[in-house]
Amino acid sequence: MNRLFSVSEARSLMPGILAEAAELIAARADLAEITYDRDTGGTSPLGGLPELKGIEARMQEILSRWTGLGLEVKGIAPVLLDFPAVLDGASVRLCWIEGEPELGWYHRSELGFPGRRRLPQT
């Protein structure tokens, strides 16, 4: 899917994305804990292999939903999402990273994260 987002379209998706990102972050922590406990021969109060597989499946559901919407998932630790867009005739990515309360940054498509700039006020 080669969807281009307007700033307002991307921002309208953020409440759902923030909720799903919170769920993904919690699942990521649970997955790390269960995996560590299993790898070190212990047991986890969070469960075993069935719970681990369930967590992995839910994480994949969230990631698939985002990519299905046209977002680019750049990372999950931390969660980093790009929304393809065009600003002032230039190909950009509206950029959100875990911990930010809203979508407020962009970067030119060819520059990536180091080229992040604040979105102009609208």
Protein backbone atom coordinates (compact mmCIF):
# COMPACT_ATOMS: atom_id res chain seq x y z
CA MET A 1 0.00 0.00 0.00
CA ASN A 2 1.47 3.34 -1.06
CA ARG A 3 -0.77 5.61 0.96
CA LEU A 4 0.12 9.24 1.54
CA PHE A 5 -1.21 10.88 4.68
CA SER A 6 -2.10 14.48 5.31
CA VAL A 7 -1.03 15.78 8.70
CA SER A 8 -4.67 15.89 9.81
CA GLU A 9 -5.32 12.30 8.64
CA ALA A 10 -2.26 11.02 10.49
CA ARG A 11 -3.16 12.93 13.63
CA SER A 12 -6.71 11.59 13.53
CA LEU A 13 -5.28 8.05 13.78
CA MET A 14 -3.09 8.85 16.77
CA PRO A 15 -5.56 8.12 19.62
CA GLY A 16 -5.91 4.53 18.39
CA ILE A 17 -2.21 4.22 17.67
CA LEU A 18 -1.29 5.51 21.12
CA ALA A 19 -3.61 2.96 22.74
CA GLU A 20 -2.24 0.14 20.61
CA ALA A 21 1.33 1.29 21.22
CA ALA A 22 0.73 1.13 24.98
CA GLU A 23 -0.54 -2.42 24.55
CA LEU A 24 2.46 -3.30 22.36
CA ILE A 25 4.90 -1.85 24.91
CA ALA A 26 3.35 -3.86 27.74
CA ALA A 27 3.38 -7.01 25.60
CA ARG A 28 7.01 -6.36 24.67
CA ALA A 29 7.93 -6.25 28.36
CA ASP A 30 5.95 -9.41 29.14
CA LEU A 31 7.56 -11.19 26.20
CA ALA A 32 11.04 -10.19 27.38
CA GLU A 33 10.33 -11.40 30.91
CA ILE A 34 8.84 -14.74 29.90
CA THR A 35 11.66 -15.34 27.41
CA TYR A 36 14.33 -14.50 29.98
CA ASP A 37 12.76 -16.74 32.61
CA ARG A 38 12.47 -19.62 30.12
CA ASP A 39 16.05 -19.14 28.88
CA THR A 40 17.45 -19.18 32.40
CA GLY A 41 15.56 -22.30 33.41
CA GLY A 42 13.08 -20.55 35.63
CA THR A 43 9.37 -20.18 35.47
CA SER A 44 7.55 -16.93 34.97
CA PRO A 45 4.48 -15.78 36.88
CA LEU A 46 3.36 -14.45 33.49
CA GLY A 47 3.10 -17.96 32.08
CA GLY A 48 4.92 -20.22 29.72
CA LEU A 49 4.98 -21.12 26.05
CA PRO A 50 1.22 -20.74 25.43
CA GLU A 51 1.23 -17.23 26.91
CA LEU A 52 4.40 -16.35 25.01
CA LYS A 53 2.81 -17.44 21.72
CA GLY A 54 -0.34 -15.46 22.54
CA ILE A 55 1.70 -12.32 23.24
CA GLU A 56 3.64 -12.74 20.01
CA ALA A 57 0.38 -13.15 18.06
CA ARG A 58 -1.16 -10.01 19.59
CA MET A 59 1.99 -7.99 18.86
CA GLN A 60 1.87 -9.18 15.24
CA GLU A 61 -1.82 -8.21 14.99
CA ILE A 62 -1.00 -4.65 16.05
CA LEU A 63 1.96 -4.38 13.67
CA SER A 64 -0.10 -5.83 10.80
CA ARG A 65 -2.90 -3.37 11.45
CA TRP A 66 -0.47 -0.46 11.30
CA THR A 67 1.15 -1.62 8.08
CA GLY A 68 -2.31 -2.30 6.66
CA LEU A 69 -3.16 1.34 7.28
CA GLY A 70 -0.07 2.35 5.30
CA LEU A 71 2.25 3.17 8.21
CA GLU A 72 5.89 2.18 8.13
CA VAL A 73 7.00 0.42 11.32
CA LYS A 74 10.64 1.39 11.81
CA GLY A 75 11.11 -0.23 15.21
CA ILE A 76 9.38 -1.77 18.20
CA ALA A 77 11.97 -1.05 20.92
CA PRO A 78 11.33 1.84 20.96
CA VAL A 79 8.17 1.92 18.86
CA LEU A 80 8.91 4.14 15.87
CA LEU A 81 6.33 4.83 13.16
CA ASP A 82 6.45 6.82 9.93
CA PHE A 83 3.47 8.08 7.95
CA PRO A 84 4.40 8.69 4.28
CA ALA A 85 3.40 12.21 3.28
CA VAL A 86 4.20 15.18 1.08
CA LEU A 87 4.94 18.60 2.59
CA ASP A 88 5.64 21.60 0.40
CA GLY A 89 6.11 19.27 -2.56
CA ALA A 90 8.76 17.14 -0.82
CA SER A 91 8.48 13.46 0.09
CA VAL A 92 8.53 13.25 3.88
CA ARG A 93 7.68 10.93 6.71
CA LEU A 94 5.53 12.18 9.55
CA CYS A 95 7.37 10.60 12.44
CA TRP A 96 6.24 9.39 15.87
CA ILE A 97 8.38 7.66 18.48
CA GLU A 98 7.36 5.95 21.70
CA GLY A 99 6.95 8.44 24.52
CA GLU A 100 5.73 11.35 22.42
CA PRO A 101 2.18 12.43 23.32
CA GLU A 102 1.25 13.42 19.75
CA LEU A 103 2.42 13.47 16.15
CA GLY A 104 4.61 16.56 15.97
CA TRP A 105 7.65 15.71 13.83
CA TYR A 106 8.62 14.92 10.26
CA HIS A 107 11.75 14.25 8.26
CA ARG A 108 12.58 14.17 4.58
CA SER A 109 12.17 10.62 3.33
CA GLU A 110 15.81 10.27 2.35
CA LEU A 111 17.18 11.61 5.65
CA GLY A 112 15.47 9.39 8.19
CA PHE A 113 15.30 9.98 11.92
CA PRO A 114 18.43 12.19 12.20
CA GLY A 115 16.70 14.74 9.93
CA ARG A 116 13.66 15.18 12.20
CA ARG A 117 12.08 18.61 12.35
CA ARG A 118 9.03 19.96 14.14
CA LEU A 119 5.89 20.01 12.02
CA PRO A 120 4.81 23.53 11.13
CA GLN A 121 1.88 24.81 13.19
CA THR A 122 -1.44 24.39 11.40
